[in-house]
């Protein structure tokens, strides 16, 4: 494999957003990995002002881009607030999230459903392959964290489950 081919592969990895690429040709093998640093989050809360660590409040409905530790968390009554024992099922691959086996059919699971270990929760399409994502534990599904048909990253939280 030539240097030019390797440079082309690096460019493909950077442009596509994939985390890792491995190519083998004969006795040559190249693995390219990207270090995906955590991104800042955009937090939008239209119902209550945010109180930053400095004590300043923002206007409701505006967005704030910051590290999550700088902002006070939403009230525990908010539906997106998690309890101490909430477990997150994360995406094992990069791809497109699908909540049902085919368009127009019922989703595999919905919030409030009781799930068991090994139960299919969703499908992630990656490189034209449909990968069934199974529950790693039994519990009650608290929330779906991704919209149907949206892209997901490796390690992105897909579901919140209460194991109780």
Foldseek 3Di string as FASTA:
>chain_A
DDPVVVVVVVVVCVVVVFAKDWDDDDPDIDIDGDDDDDAWDKDAAQPDWKQFQVRDTDHHGDIDTDHPVRIDDDDCVDLVHDDPQKDFDFDQAWAWKAQPPDPPDDGQDAAFDWFAFQRFGTWGQDPNDTHTDTDHHTFGWSHAPDDHGHIDHHGHTGTIGRRD
